[in-house]
Amino acid sequence: MIQFGTLLPMKRLGKTELMVSPLGFGGIVVMNSRAGQAARIVEEAVEFGINYFDVAPAYGNAEEKLGPALEPFRKDIFLSCKTHLRDAAGARDALGQSLKHLRTDYFDLYQRHGLIDVEKDVKAAFAVGGAMEIVLEAKRAGVIRNIGFSAHTSEASLAAMNEYDFDTVMYPVNFATHLNNNFEADVLAEAKKRDMGIIALKAMAQRKWRDDEANKKWPKCWYEPIDDPHLAKLALSWTLGQGVSLALPPGEEALFRMAMEIYPECRELDEAGMAELREYANNGEAIL
């Protein structure tokens, strides 16, 4: 059962000096939600103690659903948005639309979304006429308070950090990818060196969906999530123990609720817990 009314221990979001909840709310949770459903789950999240909310235009109609649900709490929460567009004109339009959909006149954090390729995703955005022109202009105007990026390769992450002194990085921090190939190590090390806030993705990820899994049990997830509470608790505990500012649970409402339920039991893993994760990682497939 979710334990409401208990204040979560806030964590520092890097050099922003802002304090955020150790669990965040991914806006995709409310994508395609029914009337009143988005307002209910947002209210529950706020009551639980969550103050970090993250969304993007790429998540279908999530912005339109999240905006009205967050409106009563806007002054008390940390709102993050993203753009996947790399050109200035597209980024300007996307920023304006996101502000309108989310019923706000500023974002606490605005992120470059889904960096993978150094040339196409990083250098293109920093070129003349690139998206960073609009992001920096909006920050000077106070429309954006902090600037970050989300990424899925170390090459793109490190290249982005070398281009600009970002405030945050959103990156996969998952026990299986760590145990199998130390996937996150160089990005987290550089982020900590720069005192960046670290927002962890895929804490509760299990493996890639197989090609024959057309009718996925969890259609909002682009990977197969961990839906066993015991294993999810171990996986989330591991991620939260890696020096991250917060972790984003999977985008399904049921799994987000499960994360709230298991969070009070998360703690530093003992050898038995690590042994379970090692066995699971060795028997699994690569997520990325």
C-alpha atoms as a PDB file:
ATOM      1  CA  MET A   1       0.000   0.000   0.000  1.00  0.00           C
ATOM      2  CA  ILE A   2       1.261   3.487  -0.866  1.00  0.00           C
ATOM      3  CA  GLN A   3       2.280   5.386   2.254  1.00  0.00           C
ATOM      4  CA  PHE A   4       0.857   8.874   1.837  1.00  0.00           C
ATOM      5  CA  GLY A   5       1.561  11.873   4.003  1.00  0.00           C
ATOM      6  CA  THR A   6       5.223  11.035   4.585  1.00  0.00           C
ATOM      7  CA  LEU A   7       7.699  13.601   3.320  1.00  0.00           C
ATOM      8  CA  LEU A   8      10.270  12.094   0.967  1.00  0.00           C
ATOM      9  CA  PRO A   9      13.898  12.941   1.711  1.00  0.00           C
ATOM     10  CA  MET A  10      14.735  15.592  -0.878  1.00  0.00           C
ATOM     11  CA  LYS A  11      18.008  15.345  -2.795  1.00  0.00           C
ATOM     12  CA  ARG A  12      20.145  18.098  -4.283  1.00  0.00           C
ATOM     13  CA  LEU A  13      19.908  18.391  -8.066  1.00  0.00           C
ATOM     14  CA  GLY A  14      23.565  19.081  -8.683  1.00  0.00           C
ATOM     15  CA  LYS A  15      24.754  22.653  -9.072  1.00  0.00           C
ATOM     16  CA  THR A  16      21.184  23.914  -9.482  1.00  0.00           C
ATOM     17  CA  GLU A  17      21.069  23.677  -5.657  1.00  0.00           C
ATOM     18  CA  LEU A  18      17.373  22.821  -6.033  1.00  0.00           C
ATOM     19  CA  MET A  19      15.958  19.978  -3.969  1.00  0.00           C
ATOM     20  CA  VAL A  20      14.000  17.251  -5.727  1.00  0.00           C
ATOM     21  CA  SER A  21      12.247  14.055  -4.721  1.00  0.00           C
ATOM     22  CA  PRO A  22      14.215  10.810  -5.194  1.00  0.00           C
ATOM     23  CA  LEU A  23      11.412   9.497  -7.419  1.00  0.00           C
ATOM     24  CA  GLY A  24      10.210  11.520 -10.372  1.00  0.00           C
ATOM     25  CA  PHE A  25       6.972  11.465 -12.336  1.00  0.00           C
ATOM     26  CA  GLY A  26       7.366  10.709 -16.038  1.00  0.00           C
ATOM     27  CA  GLY A  27       4.631  12.469 -17.980  1.00  0.00           C
ATOM     28  CA  ILE A  28       4.048   9.458 -20.199  1.00  0.00           C
ATOM     29  CA  VAL A  29       2.185   7.979 -17.208  1.00  0.00           C
ATOM     30  CA  VAL A  30      -0.803  10.183 -18.101  1.00  0.00           C
ATOM     31  CA  MET A  31      -0.614   9.787 -21.881  1.00  0.00           C
ATOM     32  CA  ASN A  32      -4.069   8.799 -23.217  1.00  0.00           C
ATOM     33  CA  SER A  33      -5.501   8.880 -19.708  1.00  0.00           C
ATOM     34  CA  ARG A  34      -9.257   9.040 -19.161  1.00  0.00           C
ATOM     35  CA  ALA A  35     -11.074  12.126 -17.879  1.00  0.00           C
ATOM     36  CA  GLY A  36     -10.043  12.763 -14.294  1.00  0.00           C
ATOM     37  CA  GLN A  37      -7.456   9.979 -14.288  1.00  0.00           C
ATOM     38  CA  ALA A  38      -4.454  12.288 -14.816  1.00  0.00           C
ATOM     39  CA  ALA A  39      -5.589  14.621 -12.031  1.00  0.00           C
ATOM     40  CA  ARG A  40      -5.945  11.703  -9.605  1.00  0.00           C
ATOM     41  CA  ILE A  41      -2.520  10.180 -10.166  1.00  0.00           C
ATOM     42  CA  VAL A  42      -0.805  13.580 -10.119  1.00  0.00           C
ATOM     43  CA  GLU A  43      -2.528  14.458  -6.852  1.00  0.00           C
ATOM     44  CA  GLU A  44      -1.459  11.115  -5.367  1.00  0.00           C
ATOM     45  CA  ALA A  45       2.131  11.686  -6.485  1.00  0.00           C
ATOM     46  CA  VAL A  46       2.239  15.152  -4.930  1.00  0.00           C
ATOM     47  CA  GLU A  47       0.671  13.843  -1.717  1.00  0.00           C
ATOM     48  CA  PHE A  48       3.283  11.086  -1.631  1.00  0.00           C
ATOM     49  CA  GLY A  49       5.994  13.743  -1.760  1.00  0.00           C
ATOM     50  CA  ILE A  50       7.031  13.775  -5.424  1.00  0.00           C
ATOM     51  CA  ASN A  51       7.912  17.225  -6.705  1.00  0.00           C
ATOM     52  CA  TYR A  52       9.794  16.415  -9.960  1.00  0.00           C
ATOM     53  CA  PHE A  53       7.607  16.090 -13.080  1.00  0.00           C
ATOM     54  CA  ASP A  54       9.092  15.383 -16.506  1.00  0.00           C
ATOM     55  CA  VAL A  55       7.409  15.375 -19.915  1.00  0.00           C
ATOM     56  CA  ALA A  56       8.114  15.866 -23.621  1.00  0.00           C
ATOM     57  CA  PRO A  57       6.219  16.503 -26.870  1.00  0.00           C
ATOM     58  CA  ALA A  58       7.338  13.072 -28.040  1.00  0.00           C
ATOM     59  CA  TYR A  59       5.057  11.435 -25.447  1.00  0.00           C
ATOM     60  CA  GLY A  60       1.853  11.669 -27.457  1.00  0.00           C
ATOM     61  CA  ASN A  61      -0.749  13.803 -25.687  1.00  0.00           C
ATOM     62  CA  ALA A  62       1.012  13.657 -22.307  1.00  0.00           C
ATOM     63  CA  GLU A  63       1.631  17.407 -22.193  1.00  0.00           C
ATOM     64  CA  GLU A  64      -2.052  18.193 -22.790  1.00  0.00           C
ATOM     65  CA  LYS A  65      -3.064  15.740 -20.051  1.00  0.00           C
ATOM     66  CA  LEU A  66      -0.404  16.795 -17.566  1.00  0.00           C
ATOM     67  CA  GLY A  67      -0.887  20.566 -17.855  1.00  0.00           C
ATOM     68  CA  PRO A  68      -4.374  20.788 -16.306  1.00  0.00           C
ATOM     69  CA  ALA A  69      -3.526  18.126 -13.712  1.00  0.00           C
ATOM     70  CA  LEU A  70      -0.426  20.029 -12.552  1.00  0.00           C
ATOM     71  CA  GLU A  71      -1.959  23.504 -12.618  1.00  0.00           C
ATOM     72  CA  PRO A  72      -3.071  23.492  -8.945  1.00  0.00           C
ATOM     73  CA  PHE A  73       0.435  22.480  -7.844  1.00  0.00           C
ATOM     74  CA  ARG A  74       2.626  24.436 -10.284  1.00  0.00           C
ATOM     75  CA  LYS A  75       4.212  26.759  -7.716  1.00  0.00           C
ATOM     76  CA  ASP A  76       5.220  23.809  -5.523  1.00  0.00           C
ATOM     77  CA  ILE A  77       6.692  21.428  -8.087  1.00  0.00           C
ATOM     78  CA  PHE A  78       9.728  21.175 -10.362  1.00  0.00           C
ATOM     79  CA  LEU A  79       8.628  20.964 -14.004  1.00  0.00           C
ATOM     80  CA  SER A  80      10.962  19.629 -16.663  1.00  0.00           C
ATOM     81  CA  CYS A  81      10.338  19.457 -20.399  1.00  0.00           C
ATOM     82  CA  LYS A  82      12.367  18.482 -23.475  1.00  0.00           C
ATOM     83  CA  THR A  83      12.732  18.961 -27.202  1.00  0.00           C
ATOM     84  CA  HIS A  84      13.960  16.352 -29.673  1.00  0.00           C
ATOM     85  CA  LEU A  85      14.321  18.993 -32.411  1.00  0.00           C
ATOM     86  CA  ARG A  86      17.832  20.066 -33.376  1.00  0.00           C
ATOM     87  CA  ASP A  87      17.065  23.245 -35.398  1.00  0.00           C
ATOM     88  CA  ALA A  88      16.288  26.681 -33.988  1.00  0.00           C
ATOM     89  CA  ALA A  89      12.975  27.226 -35.776  1.00  0.00           C
ATOM     90  CA  GLY A  90      11.602  23.852 -34.733  1.00  0.00           C
ATOM     91  CA  ALA A  91      12.837  24.247 -31.166  1.00  0.00           C
ATOM     92  CA  ARG A  92      11.221  27.686 -30.860  1.00  0.00           C
ATOM     93  CA  ASP A  93       7.839  26.327 -31.958  1.00  0.00           C
ATOM     94  CA  ALA A  94       8.150  23.259 -29.734  1.00  0.00           C
ATOM     95  CA  LEU A  95       9.021  25.344 -26.665  1.00  0.00           C
ATOM     96  CA  GLY A  96       6.040  27.615 -27.223  1.00  0.00           C
ATOM     97  CA  GLN A  97       3.661  24.704 -27.659  1.00  0.00           C
ATOM     98  CA  SER A  98       4.959  22.948 -24.558  1.00  0.00           C
ATOM     99  CA  LEU A  99       4.517  26.075 -22.433  1.00  0.00           C
ATOM    100  CA  LYS A 100       0.953  26.407 -23.712  1.00  0.00           C
ATOM    101  CA  HIS A 101       0.063  22.748 -23.174  1.00  0.00           C
ATOM    102  CA  LEU A 102       1.537  22.707 -19.677  1.00  0.00           C
ATOM    103  CA  ARG A 103      -0.138  25.972 -18.664  1.00  0.00           C
ATOM    104  CA  THR A 104       3.046  27.589 -17.422  1.00  0.00           C
ATOM    105  CA  ASP A 105       5.221  30.541 -18.342  1.00  0.00           C
ATOM    106  CA  TYR A 106       8.544  28.884 -17.460  1.00  0.00           C
ATOM    107  CA  PHE A 107      10.269  25.521 -17.093  1.00  0.00           C
ATOM    108  CA  ASP A 108      12.486  24.700 -14.151  1.00  0.00           C
ATOM    109  CA  LEU A 109      14.500  22.493 -16.511  1.00  0.00           C
ATOM    110  CA  TYR A 110      14.539  22.178 -20.296  1.00  0.00           C
ATOM    111  CA  GLN A 111      16.413  19.292 -21.855  1.00  0.00           C
ATOM    112  CA  ARG A 112      17.798  18.315 -25.217  1.00  0.00           C
ATOM    113  CA  HIS A 113      15.980  15.037 -25.796  1.00  0.00           C
ATOM    114  CA  GLY A 114      17.404  11.647 -26.758  1.00  0.00           C
ATOM    115  CA  LEU A 115      21.017  12.318 -27.727  1.00  0.00           C
ATOM    116  CA  ILE A 116      22.518   9.295 -29.453  1.00  0.00           C
ATOM    117  CA  ASP A 117      24.705  10.434 -32.351  1.00  0.00           C
ATOM    118  CA  VAL A 118      27.445  13.040 -31.895  1.00  0.00           C
ATOM    119  CA  GLU A 119      27.073  14.633 -35.327  1.00  0.00           C
ATOM    120  CA  LYS A 120      23.301  14.446 -35.787  1.00  0.00           C
ATOM    121  CA  ASP A 121      22.221  15.126 -32.220  1.00  0.00           C
ATOM    122  CA  VAL A 122      24.969  17.105 -30.510  1.00  0.00           C
ATOM    123  CA  LYS A 123      26.856  19.106 -33.106  1.00  0.00           C
ATOM    124  CA  ALA A 124      23.732  19.885 -35.140  1.00  0.00           C
ATOM    125  CA  ALA A 125      22.068  21.521 -32.144  1.00  0.00           C
ATOM    126  CA  PHE A 126      25.150  23.640 -31.398  1.00  0.00           C
ATOM    127  CA  ALA A 127      25.662  24.727 -35.022  1.00  0.00           C
ATOM    128  CA  VAL A 128      24.542  28.119 -36.340  1.00  0.00           C
ATOM    129  CA  GLY A 129      20.751  27.905 -36.566  1.00  0.00           C
ATOM    130  CA  GLY A 130      20.695  24.998 -34.116  1.00  0.00           C
ATOM    131  CA  ALA A 131      18.305  24.389 -31.238  1.00  0.00           C
ATOM    132  CA  MET A 132      20.722  25.619 -28.575  1.00  0.00           C
ATOM    133  CA  GLU A 133      20.328  29.164 -29.861  1.00  0.00           C
ATOM    134  CA  ILE A 134      16.673  29.112 -28.788  1.00  0.00           C
ATOM    135  CA  VAL A 135      17.351  27.297 -25.528  1.00  0.00           C
ATOM    136  CA  LEU A 136      19.976  29.844 -24.487  1.00  0.00           C
ATOM    137  CA  GLU A 137      17.785  32.737 -25.601  1.00  0.00           C
ATOM    138  CA  ALA A 138      14.918  31.368 -23.503  1.00  0.00           C
ATOM    139  CA  LYS A 139      17.191  30.996 -20.494  1.00  0.00           C
ATOM    140  CA  ARG A 140      18.313  34.611 -20.764  1.00  0.00           C
ATOM    141  CA  ALA A 141      14.636  35.590 -20.842  1.00  0.00           C
ATOM    142  CA  GLY A 142      13.842  33.521 -17.739  1.00  0.00           C
ATOM    143  CA  VAL A 143      11.567  31.118 -19.628  1.00  0.00           C
ATOM    144  CA  ILE A 144      14.026  28.319 -18.889  1.00  0.00           C
ATOM    145  CA  ARG A 145      15.692  28.214 -15.465  1.00  0.00           C
ATOM    146  CA  ASN A 146      18.124  25.307 -16.030  1.00  0.00           C
ATOM    147  CA  ILE A 147      19.364  23.383 -19.075  1.00  0.00           C
ATOM    148  CA  GLY A 148      20.021  19.664 -19.367  1.00  0.00           C
ATOM    149  CA  PHE A 149      19.932  16.768 -21.800  1.00  0.00           C
ATOM    150  CA  SER A 150      18.842  13.159 -21.990  1.00  0.00           C
ATOM    151  CA  ALA A 151      21.063  10.663 -23.801  1.00  0.00           C
ATOM    152  CA  HIS A 152      21.498   6.995 -24.551  1.00  0.00           C
ATOM    153  CA  THR A 153      25.175   6.745 -25.505  1.00  0.00           C
ATOM    154  CA  SER A 154      28.287   7.778 -23.651  1.00  0.00           C
ATOM    155  CA  GLU A 155      29.759   9.278 -26.824  1.00  0.00           C
ATOM    156  CA  ALA A 156      26.881  11.726 -27.251  1.00  0.00           C
ATOM    157  CA  SER A 157      26.762  12.508 -23.529  1.00  0.00           C
ATOM    158  CA  LEU A 158      30.441  13.337 -23.223  1.00  0.00           C
ATOM    159  CA  ALA A 159      30.385  15.344 -26.453  1.00  0.00           C
ATOM    160  CA  ALA A 160      27.449  17.400 -25.151  1.00  0.00           C
ATOM    161  CA  MET A 161      29.220  18.062 -21.848  1.00  0.00           C
ATOM    162  CA  ASN A 162      32.235  19.347 -23.769  1.00  0.00           C
ATOM    163  CA  GLU A 163      30.041  21.773 -25.716  1.00  0.00           C
ATOM    164  CA  TYR A 164      28.214  23.384 -22.786  1.00  0.00           C
ATOM    165  CA  ASP A 165      28.163  23.451 -18.993  1.00  0.00           C
ATOM    166  CA  PHE A 166      24.811  21.680 -18.601  1.00  0.00           C
ATOM    167  CA  ASP A 167      23.000  21.595 -15.276  1.00  0.00           C
ATOM    168  CA  THR A 168      21.656  18.033 -15.554  1.00  0.00           C
ATOM    169  CA  VAL A 169      22.003  14.776 -17.443  1.00  0.00           C
ATOM    170  CA  MET A 170      19.288  12.146 -17.831  1.00  0.00           C
ATOM    171  CA  TYR A 171      20.830   8.747 -18.530  1.00  0.00           C
ATOM    172  CA  PRO A 172      20.198   4.993 -18.092  1.00  0.00           C
ATOM    173  CA  VAL A 173      21.471   3.805 -14.709  1.00  0.00           C
ATOM    174  CA  ASN A 174      20.508   0.150 -14.564  1.00  0.00           C
ATOM    175  CA  PHE A 175      21.982  -2.766 -12.603  1.00  0.00           C
ATOM    176  CA  ALA A 176      22.055  -5.151 -15.581  1.00  0.00           C
ATOM    177  CA  THR A 177      23.831  -2.803 -17.973  1.00  0.00           C
ATOM    178  CA  HIS A 178      26.276  -1.964 -15.194  1.00  0.00           C
ATOM    179  CA  LEU A 179      27.040  -5.566 -14.332  1.00  0.00           C
ATOM    180  CA  ASN A 180      27.265  -6.612 -17.984  1.00  0.00           C
ATOM    181  CA  ASN A 181      29.341  -3.757 -19.421  1.00  0.00           C
ATOM    182  CA  ASN A 182      29.621  -0.884 -16.909  1.00  0.00           C
ATOM    183  CA  PHE A 183      27.493   1.140 -19.320  1.00  0.00           C
ATOM    184  CA  GLU A 184      26.938   4.247 -17.201  1.00  0.00           C
ATOM    185  CA  ALA A 185      30.342   4.576 -15.532  1.00  0.00           C
ATOM    186  CA  ASP A 186      32.078   7.215 -17.675  1.00  0.00           C
ATOM    187  CA  VAL A 187      28.991   9.417 -17.998  1.00  0.00           C
ATOM    188  CA  LEU A 188      28.244   9.401 -14.276  1.00  0.00           C
ATOM    189  CA  ALA A 189      31.880  10.041 -13.416  1.00  0.00           C
ATOM    190  CA  GLU A 190      32.034  13.094 -15.678  1.00  0.00           C
ATOM    191  CA  ALA A 191      28.654  14.363 -14.515  1.00  0.00           C
ATOM    192  CA  LYS A 192      29.725  14.133 -10.873  1.00  0.00           C
ATOM    193  CA  LYS A 193      32.990  15.882 -11.675  1.00  0.00           C
ATOM    194  CA  ARG A 194      30.966  18.744 -13.163  1.00  0.00           C
ATOM    195  CA  ASP A 195      28.449  18.678 -10.280  1.00  0.00           C
ATOM    196  CA  MET A 196      25.556  17.985 -12.647  1.00  0.00           C
ATOM    197  CA  GLY A 197      22.234  16.702 -11.405  1.00  0.00           C
ATOM    198  CA  ILE A 198      21.821  13.067 -12.481  1.00  0.00           C
ATOM    199  CA  ILE A 199      18.358  11.855 -13.454  1.00  0.00           C
ATOM    200  CA  ALA A 200      18.334   8.079 -13.779  1.00  0.00           C
ATOM    201  CA  LEU A 201      16.422   6.251 -16.497  1.00  0.00           C
ATOM    202  CA  LYS A 202      15.659   2.520 -16.700  1.00  0.00           C
ATOM    203  CA  ALA A 203      16.132   1.734 -13.026  1.00  0.00           C
ATOM    204  CA  MET A 204      13.312  -0.824 -13.318  1.00  0.00           C
ATOM    205  CA  ALA A 205      14.174  -2.094 -16.809  1.00  0.00           C
ATOM    206  CA  GLN A 206      14.486  -5.805 -17.520  1.00  0.00           C
ATOM    207  CA  ARG A 207      15.416  -6.279 -21.194  1.00  0.00           C
ATOM    208  CA  LYS A 208      14.486  -5.270 -24.727  1.00  0.00           C
ATOM    209  CA  TRP A 209      11.115  -6.327 -26.035  1.00  0.00           C
ATOM    210  CA  ARG A 210      11.476  -9.315 -28.329  1.00  0.00           C
ATOM    211  CA  ASP A 211      10.301  -8.962 -31.928  1.00  0.00           C
ATOM    212  CA  ASP A 212       7.459 -11.423 -31.368  1.00  0.00           C
ATOM    213  CA  GLU A 213       6.003  -9.397 -28.493  1.00  0.00           C
ATOM    214  CA  ALA A 214       3.657  -7.304 -30.632  1.00  0.00           C
ATOM    215  CA  ASN A 215       0.971  -7.224 -27.935  1.00  0.00           C
ATOM    216  CA  LYS A 216       3.045  -5.913 -25.094  1.00  0.00           C
ATOM    217  CA  LYS A 217       1.765  -6.107 -21.565  1.00  0.00           C
ATOM    218  CA  TRP A 218       3.168  -2.638 -20.951  1.00  0.00           C
ATOM    219  CA  PRO A 219       2.690  -0.683 -24.208  1.00  0.00           C
ATOM    220  CA  LYS A 220       4.034   2.641 -22.896  1.00  0.00           C
ATOM    221  CA  CYS A 221       7.432   1.076 -22.174  1.00  0.00           C
ATOM    222  CA  TRP A 222      10.027   0.812 -24.943  1.00  0.00           C
ATOM    223  CA  TYR A 223      11.735  -1.942 -22.954  1.00  0.00           C
ATOM    224  CA  GLU A 224      10.309  -4.785 -20.876  1.00  0.00           C
ATOM    225  CA  PRO A 225      10.003  -3.392 -17.339  1.00  0.00           C
ATOM    226  CA  ILE A 226      10.451  -5.264 -14.087  1.00  0.00           C
ATOM    227  CA  ASP A 227       6.972  -5.831 -12.701  1.00  0.00           C
ATOM    228  CA  ASP A 228       7.896  -8.168  -9.846  1.00  0.00           C
ATOM    229  CA  PRO A 229       7.888  -6.016  -6.670  1.00  0.00           C
ATOM    230  CA  HIS A 230      10.793  -7.821  -5.004  1.00  0.00           C
ATOM    231  CA  LEU A 231      13.127  -7.562  -7.976  1.00  0.00           C
ATOM    232  CA  ALA A 232      11.949  -4.009  -8.683  1.00  0.00           C
ATOM    233  CA  LYS A 233      12.859  -3.035  -5.121  1.00  0.00           C
ATOM    234  CA  LEU A 234      16.368  -4.453  -5.549  1.00  0.00           C
ATOM    235  CA  ALA A 235      16.804  -2.772  -8.939  1.00  0.00           C
ATOM    236  CA  LEU A 236      15.538   0.608  -7.736  1.00  0.00           C
ATOM    237  CA  SER A 237      17.666   0.374  -4.587  1.00  0.00           C
ATOM    238  CA  TRP A 238      20.755  -0.229  -6.721  1.00  0.00           C
ATOM    239  CA  THR A 239      20.079   2.762  -8.965  1.00  0.00           C
ATOM    240  CA  LEU A 240      19.358   5.135  -6.083  1.00  0.00           C
ATOM    241  CA  GLY A 241      22.646   4.050  -4.522  1.00  0.00           C
ATOM    242  CA  GLN A 242      24.749   5.247  -7.474  1.00  0.00           C
ATOM    243  CA  GLY A 243      24.859   8.907  -6.503  1.00  0.00           C
ATOM    244  CA  VAL A 244      21.935   9.949  -8.696  1.00  0.00           C
ATOM    245  CA  SER A 245      19.636  12.832  -7.818  1.00  0.00           C
ATOM    246  CA  LEU A 246      16.483  10.913  -8.652  1.00  0.00           C
ATOM    247  CA  ALA A 247      15.110   8.026 -10.701  1.00  0.00           C
ATOM    248  CA  LEU A 248      12.176   7.925 -13.106  1.00  0.00           C
ATOM    249  CA  PRO A 249      10.042   4.761 -12.882  1.00  0.00           C
ATOM    250  CA  PRO A 250       8.549   3.232 -16.058  1.00  0.00           C
ATOM    251  CA  GLY A 251       5.766   5.140 -17.803  1.00  0.00           C
ATOM    252  CA  GLU A 252       2.867   2.844 -16.938  1.00  0.00           C
ATOM    253  CA  GLU A 253       0.598   4.023 -14.136  1.00  0.00           C
ATOM    254  CA  ALA A 254       0.567   0.605 -12.453  1.00  0.00           C
ATOM    255  CA  LEU A 255       4.365   0.472 -12.420  1.00  0.00           C
ATOM    256  CA  PHE A 256       4.641   4.049 -11.204  1.00  0.00           C
ATOM    257  CA  ARG A 257       2.306   3.158  -8.336  1.00  0.00           C
ATOM    258  CA  MET A 258       4.425   0.101  -7.598  1.00  0.00           C
ATOM    259  CA  ALA A 259       7.516   2.305  -7.414  1.00  0.00           C
ATOM    260  CA  MET A 260       5.805   4.482  -4.821  1.00  0.00           C
ATOM    261  CA  GLU A 261       4.809   1.374  -2.866  1.00  0.00           C
ATOM    262  CA  ILE A 262       8.293  -0.163  -2.806  1.00  0.00           C
ATOM    263  CA  TYR A 263      10.299   3.046  -2.346  1.00  0.00           C
ATOM    264  CA  PRO A 264       9.943   3.103   1.474  1.00  0.00           C
ATOM    265  CA  GLU A 265      11.625  -0.333   1.530  1.00  0.00           C
ATOM    266  CA  CYS A 266      14.551   0.682  -0.690  1.00  0.00           C
ATOM    267  CA  ARG A 267      17.898   0.762   1.049  1.00  0.00           C
ATOM    268  CA  GLU A 268      21.568   0.029   0.462  1.00  0.00           C
ATOM    269  CA  LEU A 269      21.883  -3.505  -0.882  1.00  0.00           C
ATOM    270  CA  ASP A 270      23.605  -6.208   1.095  1.00  0.00           C
ATOM    271  CA  GLU A 271      25.569  -9.033  -0.513  1.00  0.00           C
ATOM    272  CA  ALA A 272      22.476 -11.233  -0.780  1.00  0.00           C
ATOM    273  CA  GLY A 273      20.630  -8.547  -2.710  1.00  0.00           C
ATOM    274  CA  MET A 274      23.584  -7.978  -5.025  1.00  0.00           C
ATOM    275  CA  ALA A 275      23.869 -11.726  -5.600  1.00  0.00           C
ATOM    276  CA  GLU A 276      20.236 -11.791  -6.772  1.00  0.00           C
ATOM    277  CA  LEU A 277      20.873  -8.941  -9.175  1.00  0.00           C
ATOM    278  CA  ARG A 278      24.043 -10.580 -10.525  1.00  0.00           C
ATOM    279  CA  GLU A 279      22.215 -13.838 -11.172  1.00  0.00           C
ATOM    280  CA  TYR A 280      19.377 -12.009 -12.878  1.00  0.00           C
ATOM    281  CA  ALA A 281      21.741  -9.924 -15.002  1.00  0.00           C
ATOM    282  CA  ASN A 282      23.702 -12.973 -16.101  1.00  0.00           C
ATOM    283  CA  ASN A 283      20.521 -14.683 -17.253  1.00  0.00           C
ATOM    284  CA  GLY A 284      19.119 -11.688 -19.054  1.00  0.00           C
ATOM    285  CA  GLU A 285      19.592  -9.900 -22.343  1.00  0.00           C
ATOM    286  CA  ALA A 286      21.104  -6.495 -22.993  1.00  0.00           C
ATOM    287  CA  ILE A 287      18.628  -3.667 -22.543  1.00  0.00           C
ATOM    288  CA  LEU A 288      20.359  -1.134 -24.775  1.00  0.00           C
END
